[in-house]
């Protein structure tokens, strides 16, 4: 949105993200290999006939929990998210949405060359236990916001990829401080 409607965005707060596509560069920095990890699921979710009984497998649900909240997340949390994912992606429409989400993760484009166009402040928060995107990647990419009013990278100790779920207190405090600092200070 900061690229598409810069006059409406007063700041951005990426959490456990990457501005690159799923590239060899990111893998060398310790980020996940999304295409290799998701391609078998995408192939399995590709259907020529309706799949009214579709439901994500326990293996896929556990994969999501592992990468998002950590392999050692509490069993009750794992059970909640497995049940939630299964409920959200039921039947033919659920299969299609889940497949499209996985394809988007595998084939998304990078933003590196567009980041100098962002002028608003950036607060990038990243967990030290994020297994999808590494802190090393965040440290490199934060430098690409060359024309932003201010850029800050905050690493959160033991934070997972789903940082706002694994460390809500830290994220909430940083977001409130960021909003209080920049709200109403329209950057052009």
C-alpha atoms as a PDB file:
ATOM      1  CA  UNK A   1       0.000   0.000   0.000  1.00  0.00           C
ATOM      2  CA  UNK A   2       2.894   2.338   0.640  1.00  0.00           C
ATOM      3  CA  UNK A   3       3.761   1.900  -3.038  1.00  0.00           C
ATOM      4  CA  UNK A   4       0.222   2.046  -4.425  1.00  0.00           C
ATOM      5  CA  UNK A   5      -1.252   4.806  -2.263  1.00  0.00           C
ATOM      6  CA  UNK A   6       1.629   6.624  -0.586  1.00  0.00           C
ATOM      7  CA  UNK A   7      -0.531   9.638   0.227  1.00  0.00           C
ATOM      8  CA  UNK A   8      -2.745   7.431   2.416  1.00  0.00           C
ATOM      9  CA  UNK A   9      -0.067   5.474   4.299  1.00  0.00           C
ATOM     10  CA  UNK A  10       1.698   7.076   7.234  1.00  0.00           C
ATOM     11  CA  UNK A  11       3.972   4.153   8.096  1.00  0.00           C
ATOM     12  CA  UNK A  12       4.502   0.449   7.598  1.00  0.00           C
ATOM     13  CA  UNK A  13       5.316  -2.308  10.075  1.00  0.00           C
ATOM     14  CA  UNK A  14       6.506  -5.538   8.439  1.00  0.00           C
ATOM     15  CA  UNK A  15       6.515  -8.494  10.836  1.00  0.00           C
ATOM     16  CA  UNK A  16       8.709 -11.501  10.040  1.00  0.00           C
ATOM     17  CA  UNK A  17       8.717 -10.771   6.345  1.00  0.00           C
ATOM     18  CA  UNK A  18      10.939 -10.516   3.319  1.00  0.00           C
ATOM     19  CA  UNK A  19      10.940  -7.931   0.568  1.00  0.00           C
ATOM     20  CA  UNK A  20      12.498 -10.426  -1.831  1.00  0.00           C
ATOM     21  CA  UNK A  21      10.861 -13.270  -3.682  1.00  0.00           C
ATOM     22  CA  UNK A  22      11.727 -16.814  -2.558  1.00  0.00           C
ATOM     23  CA  UNK A  23      15.212 -16.454  -4.037  1.00  0.00           C
ATOM     24  CA  UNK A  24      18.522 -18.236  -3.804  1.00  0.00           C
ATOM     25  CA  UNK A  25      19.836 -15.095  -2.049  1.00  0.00           C
ATOM     26  CA  UNK A  26      17.324 -15.480   0.771  1.00  0.00           C
ATOM     27  CA  UNK A  27      18.043 -19.200   1.149  1.00  0.00           C
ATOM     28  CA  UNK A  28      21.764 -18.418   1.493  1.00  0.00           C
ATOM     29  CA  UNK A  29      20.814 -16.094   4.360  1.00  0.00           C
ATOM     30  CA  UNK A  30      19.001 -18.885   6.189  1.00  0.00           C
ATOM     31  CA  UNK A  31      15.464 -18.331   4.925  1.00  0.00           C
ATOM     32  CA  UNK A  32      13.167 -21.198   4.024  1.00  0.00           C
ATOM     33  CA  UNK A  33      12.878 -22.865   0.647  1.00  0.00           C
ATOM     34  CA  UNK A  34       9.173 -22.204   0.162  1.00  0.00           C
ATOM     35  CA  UNK A  35       8.922 -23.491  -3.417  1.00  0.00           C
ATOM     36  CA  UNK A  36      10.449 -26.874  -2.542  1.00  0.00           C
ATOM     37  CA  UNK A  37       8.384 -27.156   0.618  1.00  0.00           C
ATOM     38  CA  UNK A  38       5.059 -26.210  -0.971  1.00  0.00           C
ATOM     39  CA  UNK A  39       5.277 -27.622  -4.508  1.00  0.00           C
ATOM     40  CA  UNK A  40       4.166 -31.152  -3.503  1.00  0.00           C
ATOM     41  CA  UNK A  41       1.126 -29.734  -1.687  1.00  0.00           C
ATOM     42  CA  UNK A  42       0.219 -27.514  -4.645  1.00  0.00           C
ATOM     43  CA  UNK A  43       0.412 -30.525  -6.965  1.00  0.00           C
ATOM     44  CA  UNK A  44      -1.767 -32.537  -4.589  1.00  0.00           C
ATOM     45  CA  UNK A  45      -4.341 -29.753  -4.378  1.00  0.00           C
ATOM     46  CA  UNK A  46      -4.591 -29.375  -8.149  1.00  0.00           C
ATOM     47  CA  UNK A  47      -7.789 -31.076  -9.271  1.00  0.00           C
ATOM     48  CA  UNK A  48      -9.791 -31.396 -12.461  1.00  0.00           C
ATOM     49  CA  UNK A  49     -12.913 -32.524 -10.630  1.00  0.00           C
ATOM     50  CA  UNK A  50     -14.747 -31.046  -7.654  1.00  0.00           C
ATOM     51  CA  UNK A  51     -13.407 -31.947  -4.216  1.00  0.00           C
ATOM     52  CA  UNK A  52     -16.368 -31.437  -1.861  1.00  0.00           C
ATOM     53  CA  UNK A  53     -14.727 -33.533   0.876  1.00  0.00           C
ATOM     54  CA  UNK A  54     -11.385 -31.702   0.838  1.00  0.00           C
ATOM     55  CA  UNK A  55      -9.720 -30.924   4.149  1.00  0.00           C
ATOM     56  CA  UNK A  56      -6.047 -30.047   4.741  1.00  0.00           C
ATOM     57  CA  UNK A  57      -4.040 -32.955   6.105  1.00  0.00           C
ATOM     58  CA  UNK A  58      -2.728 -33.050   9.656  1.00  0.00           C
ATOM     59  CA  UNK A  59       0.784 -33.005   8.154  1.00  0.00           C
ATOM     60  CA  UNK A  60       0.095 -29.714   6.376  1.00  0.00           C
ATOM     61  CA  UNK A  61      -1.492 -28.185   9.471  1.00  0.00           C
ATOM     62  CA  UNK A  62       1.528 -29.231  11.539  1.00  0.00           C
ATOM     63  CA  UNK A  63       3.832 -27.760   8.879  1.00  0.00           C
ATOM     64  CA  UNK A  64       2.037 -24.404   9.234  1.00  0.00           C
ATOM     65  CA  UNK A  65       2.192 -24.496  13.017  1.00  0.00           C
ATOM     66  CA  UNK A  66       5.867 -25.503  12.977  1.00  0.00           C
ATOM     67  CA  UNK A  67       6.953 -22.681  10.663  1.00  0.00           C
ATOM     68  CA  UNK A  68       4.668 -20.094  12.224  1.00  0.00           C
ATOM     69  CA  UNK A  69       4.759 -20.807  15.952  1.00  0.00           C
ATOM     70  CA  UNK A  70       7.679 -23.206  16.298  1.00  0.00           C
ATOM     71  CA  UNK A  71       7.964 -26.968  16.452  1.00  0.00           C
ATOM     72  CA  UNK A  72       7.811 -26.793  20.243  1.00  0.00           C
ATOM     73  CA  UNK A  73       4.557 -24.829  20.485  1.00  0.00           C
ATOM     74  CA  UNK A  74       2.148 -25.948  23.186  1.00  0.00           C
ATOM     75  CA  UNK A  75      -0.091 -28.892  22.249  1.00  0.00           C
ATOM     76  CA  UNK A  76      -3.267 -26.906  22.995  1.00  0.00           C
ATOM     77  CA  UNK A  77      -2.121 -24.129  20.648  1.00  0.00           C
ATOM     78  CA  UNK A  78      -1.223 -26.668  17.964  1.00  0.00           C
ATOM     79  CA  UNK A  79      -4.645 -28.344  18.344  1.00  0.00           C
ATOM     80  CA  UNK A  80      -6.439 -24.980  18.123  1.00  0.00           C
ATOM     81  CA  UNK A  81      -4.645 -23.948  14.929  1.00  0.00           C
ATOM     82  CA  UNK A  82      -5.004 -27.366  13.310  1.00  0.00           C
ATOM     83  CA  UNK A  83      -8.749 -27.246  13.933  1.00  0.00           C
ATOM     84  CA  UNK A  84      -8.934 -23.641  12.698  1.00  0.00           C
ATOM     85  CA  UNK A  85      -6.992 -24.313   9.477  1.00  0.00           C
ATOM     86  CA  UNK A  86      -9.079 -27.393   8.729  1.00  0.00           C
ATOM     87  CA  UNK A  87     -12.319 -25.467   9.321  1.00  0.00           C
ATOM     88  CA  UNK A  88     -11.192 -22.554   7.133  1.00  0.00           C
ATOM     89  CA  UNK A  89     -10.133 -24.639   4.132  1.00  0.00           C
ATOM     90  CA  UNK A  90     -12.984 -27.140   3.734  1.00  0.00           C
ATOM     91  CA  UNK A  91     -14.426 -28.440   0.488  1.00  0.00           C
ATOM     92  CA  UNK A  92     -13.870 -27.265  -3.068  1.00  0.00           C
ATOM     93  CA  UNK A  93     -13.643 -23.548  -2.255  1.00  0.00           C
ATOM     94  CA  UNK A  94     -11.281 -24.203   0.640  1.00  0.00           C
ATOM     95  CA  UNK A  95      -8.999 -26.295  -1.547  1.00  0.00           C
ATOM     96  CA  UNK A  96      -8.890 -23.553  -4.186  1.00  0.00           C
ATOM     97  CA  UNK A  97      -8.087 -20.832  -1.624  1.00  0.00           C
ATOM     98  CA  UNK A  98      -5.396 -22.930   0.055  1.00  0.00           C
ATOM     99  CA  UNK A  99      -3.826 -23.786  -3.297  1.00  0.00           C
ATOM    100  CA  UNK A 100      -3.794 -20.117  -4.372  1.00  0.00           C
ATOM    101  CA  UNK A 101      -2.225 -19.060  -1.068  1.00  0.00           C
ATOM    102  CA  UNK A 102       0.538 -21.649  -1.489  1.00  0.00           C
ATOM    103  CA  UNK A 103       1.143 -20.615  -5.102  1.00  0.00           C
ATOM    104  CA  UNK A 104       1.388 -16.971  -4.017  1.00  0.00           C
ATOM    105  CA  UNK A 105       4.017 -17.911  -1.432  1.00  0.00           C
ATOM    106  CA  UNK A 106       6.024 -19.845  -4.027  1.00  0.00           C
ATOM    107  CA  UNK A 107       5.785 -17.392  -6.895  1.00  0.00           C
ATOM    108  CA  UNK A 108       5.464 -13.946  -5.375  1.00  0.00           C
ATOM    109  CA  UNK A 109       7.557 -11.180  -6.817  1.00  0.00           C
ATOM    110  CA  UNK A 110      10.251  -9.221  -5.067  1.00  0.00           C
ATOM    111  CA  UNK A 111      10.036  -5.591  -4.045  1.00  0.00           C
ATOM    112  CA  UNK A 112      13.727  -4.672  -3.870  1.00  0.00           C
ATOM    113  CA  UNK A 113      13.750  -2.230  -6.779  1.00  0.00           C
ATOM    114  CA  UNK A 114      10.566  -0.544  -5.565  1.00  0.00           C
ATOM    115  CA  UNK A 115      11.584   0.028  -1.950  1.00  0.00           C
ATOM    116  CA  UNK A 116      13.365   3.350  -2.643  1.00  0.00           C
ATOM    117  CA  UNK A 117       9.927   4.704  -3.639  1.00  0.00           C
ATOM    118  CA  UNK A 118       8.626   4.261  -0.093  1.00  0.00           C
ATOM    119  CA  UNK A 119       8.921   7.483   1.879  1.00  0.00           C
ATOM    120  CA  UNK A 120       6.947   6.731   5.049  1.00  0.00           C
ATOM    121  CA  UNK A 121       8.590   5.476   8.263  1.00  0.00           C
ATOM    122  CA  UNK A 122       9.264   1.749   8.559  1.00  0.00           C
ATOM    123  CA  UNK A 123       9.331  -0.307  11.750  1.00  0.00           C
ATOM    124  CA  UNK A 124      10.395  -3.850  10.859  1.00  0.00           C
ATOM    125  CA  UNK A 125       9.968  -6.387  13.637  1.00  0.00           C
ATOM    126  CA  UNK A 126      11.544  -9.806  13.363  1.00  0.00           C
ATOM    127  CA  UNK A 127      11.707 -12.799  15.697  1.00  0.00           C
ATOM    128  CA  UNK A 128      15.052 -14.425  16.380  1.00  0.00           C
ATOM    129  CA  UNK A 129      13.476 -17.887  15.994  1.00  0.00           C
ATOM    130  CA  UNK A 130      11.713 -17.157  12.694  1.00  0.00           C
ATOM    131  CA  UNK A 131      12.393 -20.255  10.549  1.00  0.00           C
ATOM    132  CA  UNK A 132      10.832 -18.799   7.409  1.00  0.00           C
ATOM    133  CA  UNK A 133      12.807 -15.558   7.064  1.00  0.00           C
ATOM    134  CA  UNK A 134      16.078 -14.978   8.881  1.00  0.00           C
ATOM    135  CA  UNK A 135      17.174 -11.971  10.894  1.00  0.00           C
ATOM    136  CA  UNK A 136      20.164 -11.753   8.508  1.00  0.00           C
ATOM    137  CA  UNK A 137      17.761 -11.227   5.625  1.00  0.00           C
ATOM    138  CA  UNK A 138      15.880  -8.517   7.535  1.00  0.00           C
ATOM    139  CA  UNK A 139      19.169  -6.786   8.383  1.00  0.00           C
ATOM    140  CA  UNK A 140      20.045  -6.600   4.685  1.00  0.00           C
ATOM    141  CA  UNK A 141      16.620  -5.636   3.421  1.00  0.00           C
ATOM    142  CA  UNK A 142      15.902  -2.860   5.926  1.00  0.00           C
ATOM    143  CA  UNK A 143      18.757  -0.967   4.240  1.00  0.00           C
ATOM    144  CA  UNK A 144      16.803  -0.920   0.951  1.00  0.00           C
ATOM    145  CA  UNK A 145      14.274   1.603   2.312  1.00  0.00           C
ATOM    146  CA  UNK A 146      16.686   4.372   1.282  1.00  0.00           C
ATOM    147  CA  UNK A 147      14.143   7.205   1.054  1.00  0.00           C
ATOM    148  CA  UNK A 148      11.977   6.418   4.073  1.00  0.00           C
ATOM    149  CA  UNK A 149      11.663   9.099   6.728  1.00  0.00           C
ATOM    150  CA  UNK A 150      13.004   6.619   9.280  1.00  0.00           C
ATOM    151  CA  UNK A 151      13.772   2.902   9.273  1.00  0.00           C
ATOM    152  CA  UNK A 152      14.180   0.717  12.317  1.00  0.00           C
ATOM    153  CA  UNK A 153      14.683  -3.020  12.690  1.00  0.00           C
ATOM    154  CA  UNK A 154      13.625  -4.475  16.043  1.00  0.00           C
ATOM    155  CA  UNK A 155      14.520  -8.095  16.732  1.00  0.00           C
ATOM    156  CA  UNK A 156      12.395  -9.886  19.289  1.00  0.00           C
ATOM    157  CA  UNK A 157      14.160 -12.577  21.320  1.00  0.00           C
ATOM    158  CA  UNK A 158      12.628 -16.015  20.788  1.00  0.00           C
ATOM    159  CA  UNK A 159      10.017 -14.570  18.423  1.00  0.00           C
ATOM    160  CA  UNK A 160       8.586 -16.939  15.828  1.00  0.00           C
ATOM    161  CA  UNK A 161       7.454 -16.269  12.246  1.00  0.00           C
ATOM    162  CA  UNK A 162       3.938 -15.465  13.462  1.00  0.00           C
ATOM    163  CA  UNK A 163       5.461 -12.790  15.677  1.00  0.00           C
ATOM    164  CA  UNK A 164       2.259 -11.104  16.777  1.00  0.00           C
ATOM    165  CA  UNK A 165       1.034 -14.501  18.035  1.00  0.00           C
ATOM    166  CA  UNK A 166       4.286 -15.670  19.653  1.00  0.00           C
ATOM    167  CA  UNK A 167       5.187 -12.311  21.228  1.00  0.00           C
ATOM    168  CA  UNK A 168       2.053 -10.147  21.337  1.00  0.00           C
ATOM    169  CA  UNK A 169       3.181  -7.915  24.213  1.00  0.00           C
ATOM    170  CA  UNK A 170       6.382  -6.840  22.462  1.00  0.00           C
ATOM    171  CA  UNK A 171       4.644  -6.322  19.127  1.00  0.00           C
ATOM    172  CA  UNK A 172       1.722  -4.417  20.633  1.00  0.00           C
ATOM    173  CA  UNK A 173       4.004  -2.081  22.585  1.00  0.00           C
ATOM    174  CA  UNK A 174       6.177  -1.320  19.557  1.00  0.00           C
ATOM    175  CA  UNK A 175       3.136  -0.749  17.323  1.00  0.00           C
ATOM    176  CA  UNK A 176       1.514   1.621  19.826  1.00  0.00           C
ATOM    177  CA  UNK A 177       4.772   3.584  20.165  1.00  0.00           C
ATOM    178  CA  UNK A 178       5.207   3.730  16.383  1.00  0.00           C
ATOM    179  CA  UNK A 179       1.626   4.891  15.803  1.00  0.00           C
ATOM    180  CA  UNK A 180       1.852   7.499  18.563  1.00  0.00           C
ATOM    181  CA  UNK A 181       5.068   8.812  17.072  1.00  0.00           C
ATOM    182  CA  UNK A 182       3.962   8.985  13.434  1.00  0.00           C
ATOM    183  CA  UNK A 183       0.155   9.266  13.354  1.00  0.00           C
ATOM    184  CA  UNK A 184      -0.901  12.459  11.669  1.00  0.00           C
ATOM    185  CA  UNK A 185       2.606  13.308  10.448  1.00  0.00           C
ATOM    186  CA  UNK A 186       1.808  12.858   6.800  1.00  0.00           C
ATOM    187  CA  UNK A 187       4.972  12.076   4.847  1.00  0.00           C
ATOM    188  CA  UNK A 188       5.192  13.030   1.187  1.00  0.00           C
END
